[in-house]
Amino acid sequence: MESLPNLPKLMGDPLLDGLFVSSEEVQTRAALSNRRVCDSVTKLSSFGLRTLVEGVRLLEPGVWPSLQEKLNEARTNMEDRADALSKAYRSIERDLMLIGCTGVEDRLQDDVPETLRALREAGIQIWVLTGDKEETAVNVSFLAGHFAPGLSIVHVTKQNDLLKCSTTLETQLRAIESTQLGNTKFHYGIVVDGQSLNFALQTTQKAKFLLLCHDADAVLCCRLTPMQKAEVVRLVKHSCSPGPITCAIGDGANDVSMILEADVGIGLYGKEGRQAARAADYVIGKFRFLKRALLFHGFNFYWRTANVVLYFFYKNLVFVMAQAYFGAFSRFATQTAFSSIYLLSYNVIMTSLPIIVYGILEMRFPEELLLNTPLLYRTVARNRLLSWKNFLIWNAFALWHSAILFFGCYFLANEGVSKPGGAVETLHGFGSMLFSLIFLVVTIKLLLIAHSINTLLLLTIIGTMLVTYAVFVCFSRVTIPVSDGRNLLGIWENLFCGSSAMINLFGHIFLLASALVPDIVYKVYMDSRSVLPVSSNDSSQRKGTRMKARHVRRPLLTHSPSDMI
């Protein structure tokens, strides 16, 4: 028996209430239901709820077996399984009729607005990348403080072709430029959806998009796929040379690609599983912990690492340049100024432990001050401690120290008080005196750069000095099994116990003072200039001009609104 073509073949359909009606009536009811559901979704999204839509599809009796067969074939496909599954799912999940929607309220975690405000004051530009609907994402952004109250919003959404997207970007740029009056900054936020982002990321549109986003107070990218999130992070990373340091934070599987793409990935243990935490470089339990992780630990780690690197260059340059001066005075003979045991022990034993302790325990500012004054983070932004200017200043001090110590020792050894019989200091006596002064200067220099002089650092420095000079005395009394070990016998007794002991002792003090006075003056001068940077709202921070996209050099923090929930 043939079934009537104008009757639905599924009993108990929620749209039909179990009644047989015409297919035209089904379509009419489906369209009406779709409109009602879409209106409800928009309304729920405007309240900041996360929405989920339910739909059904009416199938002819013989349709499902064929669809199921295609799905099973795709699941057993050994080649291009993902593509085959995608096609099978698309053939099933089409022509759906919407029958309802749900809205779930996800409350913000504690201190989310305060955390975002502190990071923004620290000079970190924040982009929110999410898959939520535009209405939900915008509402959550206002609640979380990502968008300030009253902030003008620039929409780059619903762009369905490249030309339209290009025109929109140019129009928005011209509108913003016309709004800028003198040095007065126009504050605005940007909202861009995934469809428009596909066109904005085209080669011809990247510069416009970056320029528009660079001067924005906040950027919100909604309706993004996981790959689009990673593409946005990649775009900012390569927006200039050198690029900004990017940090991505997420709590779900759809944030993994973004976390892996960023320079630093932070995962949160959340309701959506642990995929993000497993893929991240660091893991935290709450979004508010991000403030302490960046403003306190991030500041201190950079401060310690940068100064340790500069100090290693400095102490080795002092040591090497002293030998270079000696080479010039000895007509570049093969003889070195120092005994081989000094050459071996300088870096490995005598100057290594104090800087290691410094690199572990140094704190430029107390934790409470760093957390309550986010502007301090700007003092180390853009790799300022490892800039060429700072590197050359350290090298200048190294050259000064090596020069004043070498020529001071040269005068004491050759023009100073002679030993009985008219002889002056031997080569190894001169080398031992010079090595002793270099060791003292580079050690005291570490105390000058330390802002947190704790008990362990002091004990390490004092202990290193005591052990070093105890070893010197042993070298002077016991023959060391090295090629020039015998030449050190009696050296330290002649320097500090002989007829020239007082001259050598006061010579040590005078040379130490002469070498370190410029360091002390420079430290006092820099500490007197250590004032808090101006607020981020000050237009002078932007120097009254708009930077081109290729010159963007701002830290980027990307995350999903779900991380704050």
Protein backbone atom coordinates (compact mmCIF):
# COMPACT_ATOMS: atom_id res chain seq x y z
CA MET A 1 0.00 0.00 0.00
CA GLU A 2 1.42 3.38 -1.03
CA SER A 3 1.68 6.06 1.53
CA LEU A 4 0.20 9.44 0.79
CA PRO A 5 2.95 11.86 -0.32
CA ASN A 6 1.52 14.85 1.53
CA LEU A 7 1.45 13.23 4.96
CA PRO A 8 4.29 13.11 7.48
CA LYS A 9 5.62 9.63 8.17
CA LEU A 10 6.63 10.16 11.83
CA MET A 11 4.12 9.79 14.62
CA GLY A 12 4.53 11.66 17.90
CA ASP A 13 6.41 14.61 16.40
CA PRO A 14 6.55 17.48 18.91
CA LEU A 15 5.55 19.97 16.25
CA LEU A 16 2.49 17.98 15.21
CA ASP A 17 1.22 16.70 18.55
CA GLY A 18 0.75 13.25 16.99
CA LEU A 19 -1.71 14.46 14.33
CA PHE A 20 -1.54 13.93 10.59
CA VAL A 21 -1.26 17.28 8.80
CA SER A 22 0.01 18.38 5.41
CA SER A 23 3.70 18.86 4.68
CA GLU A 24 3.03 22.54 3.96
CA GLU A 25 1.62 22.93 7.46
CA VAL A 26 4.73 21.22 8.86
CA GLN A 27 6.96 23.74 7.08
CA THR A 28 4.85 26.62 8.32
CA ARG A 29 5.00 25.41 11.91
CA ALA A 30 8.74 24.74 11.60
CA ALA A 31 9.43 28.27 10.33
CA LEU A 32 7.35 29.73 13.14
CA SER A 33 9.15 27.57 15.69
CA ASN A 34 12.54 28.57 14.29
CA ARG A 35 11.69 32.26 14.64
CA ARG A 36 10.50 31.82 18.19
CA VAL A 37 13.57 29.85 19.18
CA CYS A 38 15.93 32.40 17.58
CA ASP A 39 14.15 35.24 19.39
CA SER A 40 14.46 33.33 22.66
CA VAL A 41 18.17 32.66 22.06
CA THR A 42 18.81 36.35 21.45
CA LYS A 43 16.90 37.30 24.58
CA LEU A 44 18.74 34.77 26.74
CA SER A 45 22.10 35.82 25.29
CA SER A 46 21.40 39.46 26.16
CA PHE A 47 21.23 38.36 29.81
CA GLY A 48 24.68 36.78 29.55
CA LEU A 49 23.39 33.20 29.57
CA ARG A 50 25.17 30.46 27.65
CA THR A 51 22.61 29.07 25.22
CA LEU A 52 22.01 25.63 23.72
CA VAL A 53 19.52 24.97 20.88
CA GLU A 54 17.64 21.69 20.37
CA GLY A 55 16.33 20.59 16.97
CA VAL A 56 14.77 17.60 15.22
CA ARG A 57 14.54 16.33 11.67
CA LEU A 58 11.62 14.39 10.20
CA LEU A 59 12.83 11.37 8.24
CA GLU A 60 11.10 9.11 5.75
CA PRO A 61 10.99 5.46 6.90
CA GLY A 62 13.67 4.35 4.45
CA VAL A 63 16.05 7.31 4.91
CA TRP A 64 17.66 6.48 8.24
CA PRO A 65 19.06 3.04 7.24
CA SER A 66 20.93 4.59 4.32
CA LEU A 67 22.26 7.41 6.52
CA GLN A 68 23.33 4.94 9.19
CA GLU A 69 25.10 2.84 6.58
CA LYS A 70 27.08 5.87 5.39
CA LEU A 71 27.99 6.71 8.98
CA ASN A 72 29.22 3.18 9.68
CA GLU A 73 31.27 3.20 6.48
CA ALA A 74 32.88 6.48 7.53
CA ARG A 75 33.73 5.09 10.96
CA THR A 76 35.52 2.10 9.43
CA ASN A 77 37.28 4.12 6.74
CA MET A 78 41.05 3.68 7.10
CA GLU A 79 41.92 6.72 4.95
CA ASP A 80 40.54 10.24 5.43
CA ARG A 81 38.35 9.05 8.28
CA ALA A 82 37.89 12.56 9.70
CA ASP A 83 36.74 13.95 6.35
CA ALA A 84 34.41 11.02 5.77
CA LEU A 85 32.87 11.38 9.24
CA SER A 86 32.39 15.09 8.70
CA LYS A 87 30.50 14.46 5.47
CA ALA A 88 28.37 11.74 7.10
CA TYR A 89 27.45 13.99 10.03
CA ARG A 90 26.58 16.85 7.68
CA SER A 91 24.23 14.59 5.71
CA ILE A 92 22.40 13.74 8.96
CA GLU A 93 22.46 17.11 10.71
CA ARG A 94 20.71 19.16 8.04
CA ASP A 95 17.20 20.53 7.59
CA LEU A 96 16.78 20.58 11.35
CA MET A 97 13.69 22.14 12.88
CA LEU A 98 14.32 24.07 16.09
CA ILE A 99 12.06 22.99 18.94
CA GLY A 100 13.57 24.80 21.91
CA CYS A 101 16.58 26.34 23.61
CA THR A 102 18.13 26.52 27.08
CA GLY A 103 20.05 29.24 28.87
CA VAL A 104 22.57 28.43 31.60
CA GLU A 105 23.93 31.08 33.94
CA ASP A 106 27.67 30.72 34.60
CA ARG A 107 28.64 33.09 37.39
CA LEU A 108 31.93 34.93 37.19
CA GLN A 109 34.67 33.75 39.50
CA ASP A 110 35.81 35.95 42.35
CA ASP A 111 37.93 39.03 41.57
CA VAL A 112 37.71 38.71 37.77
CA PRO A 113 37.09 42.46 37.16
CA GLU A 114 39.88 43.39 39.57
CA THR A 115 42.28 40.98 37.87
CA LEU A 116 41.57 42.33 34.38
CA ARG A 117 41.88 45.91 35.62
CA ALA A 118 45.28 45.20 37.20
CA LEU A 119 46.59 43.48 34.07
CA ARG A 120 45.42 46.37 31.92
CA GLU A 121 47.14 48.89 34.23
CA ALA A 122 50.30 46.81 33.90
CA GLY A 123 50.30 47.55 30.17
CA ILE A 124 49.04 44.16 29.02
CA GLN A 125 46.61 44.29 26.11
CA ILE A 126 43.79 41.80 26.62
CA TRP A 127 41.94 40.01 23.82
CA VAL A 128 39.01 37.72 24.60
CA LEU A 129 38.65 34.82 22.14
CA THR A 130 35.49 32.78 22.58
CA GLY A 131 33.05 30.57 20.76
CA ASP A 132 30.01 32.11 22.46
CA LYS A 133 27.33 34.12 20.67
CA GLU A 134 28.01 37.81 20.19
CA GLU A 135 25.30 38.89 22.64
CA THR A 136 26.54 36.52 25.36
CA ALA A 137 30.20 37.44 24.82
CA VAL A 138 29.51 41.20 24.91
CA ASN A 139 27.39 40.90 28.04
CA VAL A 140 30.03 38.83 29.86
CA SER A 141 32.75 41.27 28.75
CA PHE A 142 30.89 44.16 30.39
CA LEU A 143 30.26 42.12 33.55
CA ALA A 144 33.90 41.03 33.78
CA GLY A 145 35.25 44.52 33.20
CA HIS A 146 36.81 43.68 29.85
CA PHE A 147 34.64 46.43 28.39
CA ALA A 148 34.44 49.46 30.64
CA PRO A 149 31.00 50.99 31.27
CA GLY A 150 30.16 53.49 28.54
CA LEU A 151 32.92 52.26 26.24
CA SER A 152 32.18 52.81 22.54
CA ILE A 153 31.95 49.48 20.72
CA VAL A 154 33.13 49.07 17.13
CA HIS A 155 31.44 46.08 15.45
CA VAL A 156 33.14 44.16 12.67
CA THR A 157 30.52 41.45 12.38
CA LYS A 158 28.32 39.73 9.81
CA GLN A 159 30.77 40.41 6.97
CA ASN A 160 29.96 37.87 4.26
CA ASP A 161 32.55 38.81 1.63
CA LEU A 162 36.06 40.22 1.40
CA LEU A 163 35.10 43.53 -0.19
CA LYS A 164 32.49 44.29 2.44
CA CYS A 165 34.95 43.45 5.23
CA SER A 166 37.62 45.68 3.70
CA THR A 167 35.17 48.56 3.38
CA THR A 168 34.05 48.15 6.99
CA LEU A 169 37.63 48.18 8.30
CA GLU A 170 38.49 51.31 6.28
CA THR A 171 35.30 53.06 7.39
CA GLN A 172 35.97 52.31 11.06
CA LEU A 173 39.58 53.49 10.79
CA ARG A 174 38.53 56.78 9.19
CA ALA A 175 35.82 57.28 11.79
CA ILE A 176 38.29 56.77 14.64
CA GLU A 177 40.86 59.09 13.06
CA SER A 178 38.25 61.81 12.68
CA THR A 179 37.30 61.40 16.33
CA GLN A 180 40.85 61.86 17.57
CA LEU A 181 41.34 65.50 18.57
CA GLY A 182 44.95 66.46 19.11
CA ASN A 183 46.45 64.18 21.75
CA THR A 184 43.04 63.15 23.11
CA LYS A 185 42.60 59.42 22.80
CA PHE A 186 39.29 57.97 21.65
CA HIS A 187 38.50 54.97 23.84
CA TYR A 188 36.77 52.11 22.09
CA GLY A 189 36.45 48.35 22.05
CA ILE A 190 36.20 45.99 19.10
CA VAL A 191 33.83 43.09 18.55
CA VAL A 192 34.54 40.74 15.65
CA ASP A 193 32.87 37.43 14.87
CA GLY A 194 34.34 34.29 13.32
CA GLN A 195 32.80 34.83 9.89
CA SER A 196 34.22 38.35 9.60
CA LEU A 197 37.54 37.23 11.04
CA ASN A 198 38.04 34.85 8.12
CA PHE A 199 38.14 37.85 5.80
CA ALA A 200 40.03 40.11 8.22
CA LEU A 201 42.86 37.56 8.37
CA GLN A 202 43.34 37.64 4.61
CA THR A 203 46.74 38.97 3.53
CA THR A 204 45.28 42.18 2.12
CA GLN A 205 43.33 42.96 5.32
CA LYS A 206 45.74 41.99 8.10
CA ALA A 207 47.41 45.40 8.37
CA LYS A 208 44.06 47.22 8.61
CA PHE A 209 42.74 44.79 11.18
CA LEU A 210 45.88 45.04 13.33
CA LEU A 211 45.89 48.83 13.13
CA LEU A 212 42.27 48.96 14.22
CA CYS A 213 42.91 46.57 17.13
CA HIS A 214 46.16 48.17 18.24
CA ASP A 215 44.61 51.40 19.49
CA ALA A 216 41.57 49.67 20.99
CA ASP A 217 41.15 49.45 24.75
CA ALA A 218 39.82 45.89 24.45
CA VAL A 219 39.22 43.32 21.70
CA LEU A 220 36.51 40.66 21.71
CA CYS A 221 36.48 37.88 19.11
CA CYS A 222 33.33 35.73 19.32
CA ARG A 223 31.95 32.69 17.49
CA LEU A 224 35.50 31.40 16.91
CA THR A 225 36.57 27.87 16.18
CA PRO A 226 39.63 26.46 17.99
CA MET A 227 41.76 26.95 14.87
CA GLN A 228 40.65 30.57 14.55
CA LYS A 229 41.77 31.21 18.12
CA ALA A 230 45.22 29.91 17.24
CA GLU A 231 45.27 32.01 14.05
CA VAL A 232 44.58 35.19 16.02
CA VAL A 233 47.44 34.44 18.42
CA ARG A 234 49.72 33.69 15.47
CA LEU A 235 48.68 36.94 13.80
CA VAL A 236 49.71 39.05 16.78
CA LYS A 237 52.93 37.09 17.34
CA HIS A 238 54.10 37.90 13.81
CA SER A 239 52.61 41.39 13.60
CA CYS A 240 56.02 43.05 13.98
CA SER A 241 59.67 42.28 14.49
CA PRO A 242 60.45 41.57 17.25
CA GLY A 243 56.93 40.42 18.05
CA PRO A 244 55.12 40.80 21.35
CA ILE A 245 55.22 38.06 23.96
CA THR A 246 51.84 36.33 23.91
CA CYS A 247 50.14 34.50 26.75
CA ALA A 248 47.00 32.39 26.26
CA ILE A 249 44.80 31.13 29.07
CA GLY A 250 41.98 28.60 28.73
CA ASP A 251 40.18 25.81 30.51
CA GLY A 252 38.63 23.66 27.78
CA ALA A 253 39.58 21.40 24.90
CA ASN A 254 38.69 24.13 22.41
CA ASP A 255 41.44 26.32 23.93
CA VAL A 256 44.26 23.81 23.44
CA SER A 257 45.30 25.05 19.98
CA MET A 258 45.44 28.63 21.26
CA ILE A 259 47.49 27.62 24.31
CA LEU A 260 49.97 25.70 22.18
CA GLU A 261 50.36 28.59 19.73
CA ALA A 262 51.10 31.25 22.36
CA ASP A 263 54.57 31.87 23.77
CA VAL A 264 53.25 31.07 27.25
CA GLY A 265 50.24 28.82 27.77
CA ILE A 266 48.30 28.82 31.04
CA GLY A 267 45.63 26.22 31.74
CA LEU A 268 42.89 26.26 34.34
CA TYR A 269 41.35 23.30 36.05
CA GLY A 270 37.73 23.85 35.11
CA LYS A 271 34.40 22.16 34.51
CA GLU A 272 35.27 21.35 30.91
CA GLY A 273 37.97 18.78 31.56
CA ARG A 274 41.73 18.91 31.90
CA GLN A 275 42.80 19.01 28.26
CA ALA A 276 43.85 22.66 28.52
CA ALA A 277 45.75 22.05 31.76
CA ARG A 278 47.65 19.14 30.23
CA ALA A 279 48.66 21.18 27.16
CA ALA A 280 49.69 24.30 29.11
CA ASP A 281 53.08 25.44 30.37
CA TYR A 282 51.59 26.50 33.70
CA VAL A 283 48.39 25.49 35.48
CA ILE A 284 46.38 27.55 37.97
CA GLY A 285 43.19 26.81 39.84
CA LYS A 286 41.39 30.17 39.59
CA PHE A 287 41.44 33.02 37.11
CA ARG A 288 42.33 35.53 39.85
CA PHE A 289 45.64 33.71 40.44
CA LEU A 290 46.74 35.10 37.07
CA LYS A 291 47.38 38.48 38.70
CA ARG A 292 49.95 37.07 41.10
CA ALA A 293 51.45 34.80 38.45
CA LEU A 294 52.21 37.70 36.11
CA LEU A 295 52.66 40.76 38.29
CA PHE A 296 54.66 39.09 41.07
CA HIS A 297 56.27 35.91 39.78
CA GLY A 298 56.59 37.16 36.20
CA PHE A 299 58.22 40.41 37.33
CA ASN A 300 60.65 38.71 39.71
CA PHE A 301 61.62 35.90 37.32
CA TYR A 302 62.45 38.39 34.60
CA TRP A 303 64.32 40.69 36.99
CA ARG A 304 66.43 37.84 38.36
CA THR A 305 67.14 36.21 35.01
CA ALA A 306 68.09 39.47 33.29
CA ASN A 307 70.48 40.53 36.04
CA VAL A 308 72.06 37.07 36.23
CA VAL A 309 72.75 37.18 32.49
CA LEU A 310 74.21 40.69 32.68
CA TYR A 311 76.31 39.78 35.72
CA PHE A 312 77.81 36.74 34.00
CA PHE A 313 78.86 38.87 31.03
CA TYR A 314 80.21 41.52 33.39
CA LYS A 315 82.34 39.31 35.65
CA ASN A 316 83.87 37.44 32.74
CA LEU A 317 84.62 40.65 30.85
CA VAL A 318 86.46 42.03 33.88
CA PHE A 319 88.53 38.86 34.13
CA VAL A 320 89.30 38.62 30.40
CA MET A 321 90.11 42.31 29.87
CA ALA A 322 92.65 42.23 32.70
CA GLN A 323 94.47 39.49 30.80
CA ALA A 324 94.13 41.48 27.56
CA TYR A 325 95.88 44.47 29.16
CA PHE A 326 98.60 42.14 30.41
CA GLY A 327 99.01 40.73 26.91
CA ALA A 328 99.55 44.23 25.51
CA PHE A 329 102.23 44.99 28.11
CA SER A 330 103.96 41.63 27.61
CA ARG A 331 103.98 42.07 23.81
CA PHE A 332 101.39 39.32 23.55
CA ALA A 333 103.59 36.58 24.86
CA THR A 334 102.08 33.19 25.62
CA GLN A 335 102.44 33.76 29.37
CA THR A 336 99.18 34.53 31.22
CA ALA A 337 98.80 36.91 34.13
CA PHE A 338 97.17 34.29 36.33
CA SER A 339 98.12 30.87 37.52
CA SER A 340 96.28 27.98 35.86
CA ILE A 341 94.53 27.16 39.15
CA TYR A 342 93.04 30.68 39.18
CA LEU A 343 91.82 30.26 35.62
CA LEU A 344 90.07 27.02 36.52
CA SER A 345 88.50 28.14 39.78
CA TYR A 346 87.29 31.68 38.92
CA ASN A 347 83.97 30.74 37.29
CA VAL A 348 83.47 27.27 38.72
CA ILE A 349 84.13 27.91 42.41
CA MET A 350 84.85 31.48 43.42
CA THR A 351 82.12 33.49 41.69
CA SER A 352 79.36 30.97 40.97
CA LEU A 353 77.52 30.29 44.23
CA PRO A 354 76.62 33.90 45.24
CA ILE A 355 75.00 34.71 41.88
CA ILE A 356 73.04 31.45 42.01
CA VAL A 357 71.61 32.41 45.41
CA TYR A 358 70.87 35.89 44.07
CA GLY A 359 69.04 34.43 41.09
CA ILE A 360 66.83 32.36 43.39
CA LEU A 361 66.02 34.83 46.17
CA GLU A 362 66.27 38.34 44.69
CA MET A 363 63.11 40.50 44.98
CA ARG A 364 63.13 44.01 43.51
CA PHE A 365 59.92 45.01 45.28
CA PRO A 366 57.83 43.39 48.03
CA GLU A 367 54.96 41.19 46.86
CA GLU A 368 52.27 43.46 48.28
CA LEU A 369 53.67 46.48 46.44
CA LEU A 370 53.84 44.65 43.12
CA LEU A 371 50.25 43.41 43.42
CA ASN A 372 48.86 46.77 44.53
CA THR A 373 50.87 48.80 42.00
CA PRO A 374 50.51 47.11 38.59
CA LEU A 375 52.28 50.05 36.93
CA LEU A 376 55.58 48.68 38.27
CA TYR A 377 55.26 45.86 35.74
CA ARG A 378 55.90 48.40 33.00
CA THR A 379 59.41 49.04 34.31
CA VAL A 380 60.51 45.66 32.94
CA ALA A 381 58.24 45.55 29.90
CA ARG A 382 59.65 45.25 26.39
CA ASN A 383 62.81 43.55 27.67
CA ARG A 384 64.14 46.80 29.10
CA LEU A 385 66.73 45.23 31.40
CA LEU A 386 68.35 43.38 28.49
CA SER A 387 68.31 46.36 26.15
CA TRP A 388 71.48 47.36 24.32
CA LYS A 389 71.71 50.49 26.46
CA ASN A 390 71.71 48.55 29.72
CA PHE A 391 74.08 45.93 28.31
CA LEU A 392 76.59 48.61 27.29
CA ILE A 393 76.39 50.26 30.72
CA TRP A 394 77.31 46.97 32.36
CA ASN A 395 80.18 46.49 29.89
CA ALA A 396 81.43 50.04 30.57
CA PHE A 397 81.63 49.26 34.28
CA ALA A 398 83.46 46.01 33.46
CA LEU A 399 86.02 47.88 31.35
CA TRP A 400 86.51 50.48 34.08
CA HIS A 401 86.98 47.87 36.79
CA SER A 402 89.45 45.82 34.76
CA ALA A 403 91.46 48.92 33.80
CA ILE A 404 91.67 50.50 37.28
CA LEU A 405 92.59 47.17 38.89
CA PHE A 406 95.19 46.18 36.30
CA PHE A 407 97.03 49.49 36.19
CA GLY A 408 96.78 49.91 39.96
CA CYS A 409 98.38 46.49 40.48
CA TYR A 410 100.94 47.29 37.78
CA PHE A 411 101.98 50.39 39.71
CA LEU A 412 102.19 48.56 43.04
CA ALA A 413 104.19 45.68 41.55
CA ASN A 414 106.65 47.70 39.48
CA GLU A 415 106.79 51.19 41.00
CA GLY A 416 105.86 50.46 44.58
CA VAL A 417 107.86 49.33 47.56
CA SER A 418 110.48 46.76 46.72
CA LYS A 419 111.32 43.69 48.69
CA PRO A 420 114.62 43.22 50.48
CA GLY A 421 117.42 43.21 47.91
CA GLY A 422 115.67 45.69 45.63
CA ALA A 423 113.46 43.19 43.84
CA VAL A 424 109.82 44.04 43.07
CA GLU A 425 106.92 41.58 42.95
CA THR A 426 107.21 38.54 40.74
CA LEU A 427 104.84 37.81 37.88
CA HIS A 428 102.87 35.38 40.02
CA GLY A 429 102.76 37.86 42.90
CA PHE A 430 101.37 40.48 40.53
CA GLY A 431 98.84 37.97 39.14
CA SER A 432 97.73 36.89 42.61
CA MET A 433 97.22 40.48 43.71
CA LEU A 434 95.22 41.29 40.56
CA PHE A 435 93.12 38.15 40.90
CA SER A 436 92.35 38.94 44.54
CA LEU A 437 91.13 42.43 43.63
CA ILE A 438 89.01 41.19 40.72
CA PHE A 439 87.38 38.60 42.97
CA LEU A 440 86.57 41.23 45.60
CA VAL A 441 85.20 43.76 43.11
CA VAL A 442 82.86 41.39 41.27
CA THR A 443 81.62 40.01 44.60
CA ILE A 444 80.91 43.46 46.07
CA LYS A 445 79.28 44.42 42.76
CA LEU A 446 76.74 41.66 43.38
CA LEU A 447 75.88 43.24 46.73
CA LEU A 448 75.35 46.59 45.00
CA ILE A 449 72.83 45.24 42.48
CA ALA A 450 70.92 43.21 45.10
CA HIS A 451 67.77 44.88 46.42
CA SER A 452 66.86 42.02 48.73
CA ILE A 453 69.98 41.42 50.80
CA ASN A 454 68.83 38.44 52.83
CA THR A 455 70.69 36.36 55.36
CA LEU A 456 71.40 33.47 52.99
CA LEU A 457 72.93 35.78 50.37
CA LEU A 458 75.15 37.45 52.97
CA LEU A 459 76.25 34.10 54.39
CA THR A 460 77.00 32.82 50.88
CA ILE A 461 79.13 35.86 50.01
CA ILE A 462 81.00 35.88 53.32
CA GLY A 463 81.48 32.13 53.18
CA THR A 464 82.78 32.31 49.61
CA MET A 465 85.29 35.00 50.60
CA LEU A 466 86.53 33.04 53.61
CA VAL A 467 86.87 29.82 51.62
CA THR A 468 88.60 31.61 48.74
CA TYR A 469 91.24 33.27 50.90
CA ALA A 470 91.72 30.08 52.91
CA VAL A 471 92.43 28.33 49.62
CA PHE A 472 94.85 31.13 48.68
CA VAL A 473 96.78 30.53 51.91
CA CYS A 474 96.86 26.79 51.20
CA PHE A 475 98.22 27.49 47.72
CA SER A 476 100.94 29.58 49.33
CA ARG A 477 101.96 26.83 51.73
CA VAL A 478 101.31 23.57 49.86
CA THR A 479 102.46 22.67 46.40
CA ILE A 480 99.45 22.27 44.11
CA PRO A 481 99.70 19.44 41.54
CA VAL A 482 99.54 21.78 38.54
CA SER A 483 102.25 22.90 36.16
CA ASP A 484 102.87 26.22 37.94
CA GLY A 485 101.93 25.12 41.46
CA ARG A 486 105.41 25.73 42.87
CA ASN A 487 105.33 29.34 41.72
CA LEU A 488 102.55 30.11 44.24
CA LEU A 489 104.58 29.02 47.27
CA GLY A 490 105.05 31.96 49.66
CA ILE A 491 103.17 34.39 47.41
CA TRP A 492 100.50 35.46 49.92
CA GLU A 493 103.00 35.73 52.79
CA ASN A 494 105.13 38.09 50.67
CA LEU A 495 102.06 40.19 49.74
CA PHE A 496 100.51 40.65 53.17
CA CYS A 497 103.17 39.62 55.69
CA GLY A 498 106.34 41.05 54.21
CA SER A 499 107.84 44.55 54.23
CA SER A 500 105.29 45.76 51.66
CA ALA A 501 102.29 44.35 53.52
CA MET A 502 100.83 47.71 54.59
CA ILE A 503 101.30 49.23 51.16
CA ASN A 504 99.60 46.27 49.54
CA LEU A 505 96.77 46.31 52.08
CA PHE A 506 96.07 50.03 51.66
CA GLY A 507 96.57 49.59 47.93
CA HIS A 508 93.80 46.98 47.95
CA ILE A 509 91.47 49.33 49.82
CA PHE A 510 92.26 52.31 47.57
CA LEU A 511 91.80 50.33 44.36
CA LEU A 512 88.56 48.78 45.59
CA ALA A 513 87.19 52.22 46.45
CA SER A 514 88.35 53.73 43.16
CA ALA A 515 86.78 50.92 41.16
CA LEU A 516 83.42 50.87 42.96
CA VAL A 517 82.76 54.60 43.55
CA PRO A 518 81.22 55.02 40.06
CA ASP A 519 78.96 52.00 40.71
CA ILE A 520 77.78 53.47 44.00
CA VAL A 521 77.11 56.87 42.43
CA TYR A 522 75.21 55.27 39.54
CA LYS A 523 73.14 53.14 41.94
CA VAL A 524 72.19 56.18 44.04
CA TYR A 525 71.30 58.12 40.90
CA MET A 526 69.12 55.33 39.48
CA ASP A 527 67.37 54.75 42.81
CA SER A 528 66.58 58.46 43.04
CA ARG A 529 64.97 58.28 39.58
CA SER A 530 62.92 55.17 40.41
CA VAL A 531 59.43 56.65 40.25
CA LEU A 532 56.23 54.98 39.19
CA PRO A 533 55.42 55.24 35.48
CA VAL A 534 52.52 57.43 34.41
CA SER A 535 49.04 56.01 34.14
CA SER A 536 48.00 54.15 31.04
CA ASN A 537 45.36 56.84 30.48
CA ASP A 538 48.05 59.45 29.93
CA SER A 539 48.21 60.30 26.26
CA SER A 540 51.96 60.79 26.49
CA GLN A 541 52.32 57.02 26.69
CA ARG A 542 51.42 56.92 23.01
CA LYS A 543 53.62 59.94 22.22
CA GLY A 544 50.69 61.67 20.57
CA THR A 545 50.83 59.50 17.48
CA ARG A 546 49.26 56.34 16.23
CA MET A 547 51.69 53.51 15.59
CA LYS A 548 51.53 51.53 12.41
CA ALA A 549 50.54 47.90 12.65
CA ARG A 550 54.03 46.64 11.92
CA HIS A 551 55.34 48.54 14.96
CA VAL A 552 52.98 46.93 17.46
CA ARG A 553 54.99 45.80 20.50
CA ARG A 554 52.52 45.15 23.32
CA PRO A 555 52.04 42.05 25.45
CA LEU A 556 48.96 40.08 24.51
CA LEU A 557 46.81 38.04 26.85
CA THR A 558 44.11 35.91 25.23
CA HIS A 559 41.50 33.87 27.02
CA SER A 560 37.93 32.62 26.81
CA PRO A 561 35.09 34.03 28.94
CA SER A 562 34.55 30.53 30.30
CA ASP A 563 37.92 30.85 32.04
CA MET A 564 36.43 33.57 34.23
CA ILE A 565 33.34 31.51 35.09
